[in-house]
Protein backbone atom coordinates (compact mmCIF):
# COMPACT_ATOMS: atom_id res chain seq x y z
CA MET A 1 95.41 97.37 73.61
CA ASN A 2 97.27 94.44 75.15
CA ALA A 3 100.43 96.49 75.74
CA LEU A 4 98.51 99.13 77.65
CA LYS A 5 96.57 96.50 79.57
CA ARG A 6 99.81 94.78 80.62
CA ALA A 7 101.40 98.10 81.60
CA LEU A 8 98.38 98.98 83.75
CA TYR A 9 98.35 95.58 85.45
CA LEU A 10 102.08 95.67 86.11
CA GLU A 11 102.10 99.22 87.42
CA GLY A 12 98.98 98.49 89.45
CA ALA A 13 100.72 95.52 91.06
CA VAL A 14 103.78 97.62 91.91
CA TRP A 15 101.66 100.38 93.45
CA ALA A 16 99.50 97.89 95.36
CA VAL A 17 102.51 96.13 96.91
CA THR A 18 104.25 99.42 97.65
CA GLY A 19 101.10 100.95 99.10
CA LEU A 20 100.43 97.97 101.35
CA ALA A 21 104.03 97.92 102.56
CA LEU A 22 104.00 101.64 103.36
CA SER A 23 100.61 101.34 105.06
CA ILE A 24 101.61 98.41 107.25
CA ASP A 25 105.13 99.38 108.36
CA PRO A 26 106.55 102.58 106.88
CA ARG A 27 109.56 102.65 109.20
CA LEU A 28 110.67 99.18 108.13
CA ILE A 29 110.51 100.10 104.47
CA LEU A 30 111.92 103.61 104.53
CA GLU A 31 114.19 103.79 107.55
CA ARG A 32 115.53 100.27 107.98
CA LEU A 33 115.51 98.99 104.41
CA PHE A 34 116.49 102.17 102.53
CA ASP A 35 118.09 104.20 105.35
CA GLN A 36 115.93 107.25 104.65
CA PRO A 37 115.39 110.00 107.25
CA THR A 38 112.53 109.74 109.73
CA VAL A 39 109.15 110.71 108.35
CA ASP A 40 105.87 110.99 110.25
CA PRO A 41 104.40 107.46 109.90
CA ALA A 42 100.84 108.80 109.60
CA TRP A 43 101.69 110.75 106.43
CA THR A 44 103.55 107.81 104.99
CA ARG A 45 100.60 105.52 105.67
CA ILE A 46 98.26 108.02 103.97
CA VAL A 47 100.47 107.91 100.87
CA GLY A 48 100.45 104.11 101.04
CA ILE A 49 96.66 104.01 101.16
CA GLN A 50 96.45 106.41 98.21
CA ALA A 51 98.93 104.29 96.25
CA PHE A 52 96.79 101.22 96.86
CA GLY A 53 93.67 103.11 95.70
CA LEU A 54 95.48 104.23 92.54
CA ALA A 55 96.41 100.60 91.88
CA LEU A 56 92.76 99.55 92.14
CA LEU A 57 91.75 102.21 89.62
CA MET A 58 94.47 101.03 87.22
CA VAL A 59 93.12 97.50 87.38
CA LEU A 60 89.55 98.73 86.80
CA VAL A 61 90.60 100.61 83.67
CA ALA A 62 92.67 97.62 82.48
CA HIS A 63 89.60 95.37 82.78
CA ARG A 64 87.63 97.69 80.47
CA ILE A 65 90.56 98.74 78.29
CA GLU A 66 88.64 98.53 74.99
CA ASP A 67 86.23 101.29 76.09
CA LEU A 68 88.36 103.26 78.54
CA TRP A 69 91.90 103.18 77.15
CA TRP A 70 92.09 106.97 77.02
CA TRP A 71 91.55 107.15 80.82
CA SER A 72 95.11 105.92 81.06
CA TRP A 73 96.27 109.46 80.39
CA ALA A 74 95.44 110.24 84.02
CA PHE A 75 97.79 107.48 85.18
CA ALA A 76 100.44 108.57 82.69
CA LEU A 77 100.29 112.14 84.01
CA VAL A 78 100.75 110.95 87.59
CA THR A 79 103.53 108.54 86.63
CA VAL A 80 105.45 111.09 84.55
CA GLY A 81 105.17 113.62 87.38
CA ILE A 82 106.40 111.14 89.98
CA ALA A 83 109.21 109.97 87.70
CA SER A 84 110.35 113.55 87.10
CA LEU A 85 110.28 114.42 90.77
CA ALA A 86 112.07 111.25 91.86
CA LEU A 87 114.75 111.61 89.17
CA LEU A 88 115.41 115.28 89.96
CA ASN A 89 115.52 114.53 93.68
CA ALA A 90 117.96 111.65 93.15
CA ALA A 91 120.20 113.77 90.95
CA PHE A 92 120.10 117.15 92.69
CA GLY A 93 117.93 117.20 95.81
CA LEU A 94 119.50 114.89 98.36
CA PRO A 95 121.32 116.42 101.32
CA PRO A 96 125.00 115.50 101.66
CA GLY A 97 125.45 112.08 103.20
CA GLN A 98 121.89 110.86 102.59
CA PRO A 99 121.77 107.46 100.87
CA ALA A 100 120.60 107.72 97.27
CA LEU A 101 119.78 104.07 96.50
CA PHE A 102 116.08 104.46 97.32
CA TRP A 103 115.68 107.51 95.08
CA TRP A 104 117.57 106.02 92.14
CA LEU A 105 115.56 102.81 92.41
CA PHE A 106 112.29 104.75 92.71
CA SER A 107 113.13 107.01 89.77
CA THR A 108 114.18 104.06 87.58
CA VAL A 109 110.97 102.14 88.25
CA SER A 110 108.91 105.29 87.70
CA VAL A 111 110.60 106.17 84.40
CA VAL A 112 110.17 102.61 83.10
CA SER A 113 106.50 102.66 84.17
CA ALA A 114 105.93 106.02 82.51
CA LEU A 115 107.51 104.84 79.26
CA GLY A 116 105.43 101.66 79.33
CA LEU A 117 102.21 103.59 79.84
CA LEU A 118 103.01 106.16 77.17
CA ALA A 119 103.97 103.45 74.66
CA GLY A 120 100.77 101.55 75.48
CA ILE A 121 98.68 104.70 75.06
CA TYR A 122 100.32 105.40 71.70
CA VAL A 123 99.63 101.89 70.40
CA SER A 124 96.06 101.97 71.75
CA SER A 125 95.39 105.33 70.10
CA ARG A 126 96.46 103.85 66.76
CA GLU A 127 94.29 100.74 67.21
CA ASN A 128 91.22 102.52 68.53
CA PRO A 129 91.33 106.29 67.82
CA LEU A 130 89.00 108.65 69.60
CA PRO A 131 86.09 109.87 67.43
């Protein structure tokens, strides 16, 4: 259970920091720091708020991991989906001339997070199987 708990805390921290940064100043993060094309700041802030909310839910599940470990499948589904999308976009979806650093960094962090969650879920299912 400890591996899953650590994965949830770590991923929750990453999403919380990312969500706060996108909510506070999306142009600084996306346009100036990663040289990404202009996006409507309202939509980016909405995504930031949702990321922060997801982080809070991860922490809640991590606090009650003994009883709720299987809820982590919801986070794993989201993380695997985001990792797949980010990786495919980095590899095949960028327009010519658009910087790829942001997408490769995002896909790498997402893949590592997904693997951590899935490994933690596997270990937790062996320690505490569902009835």
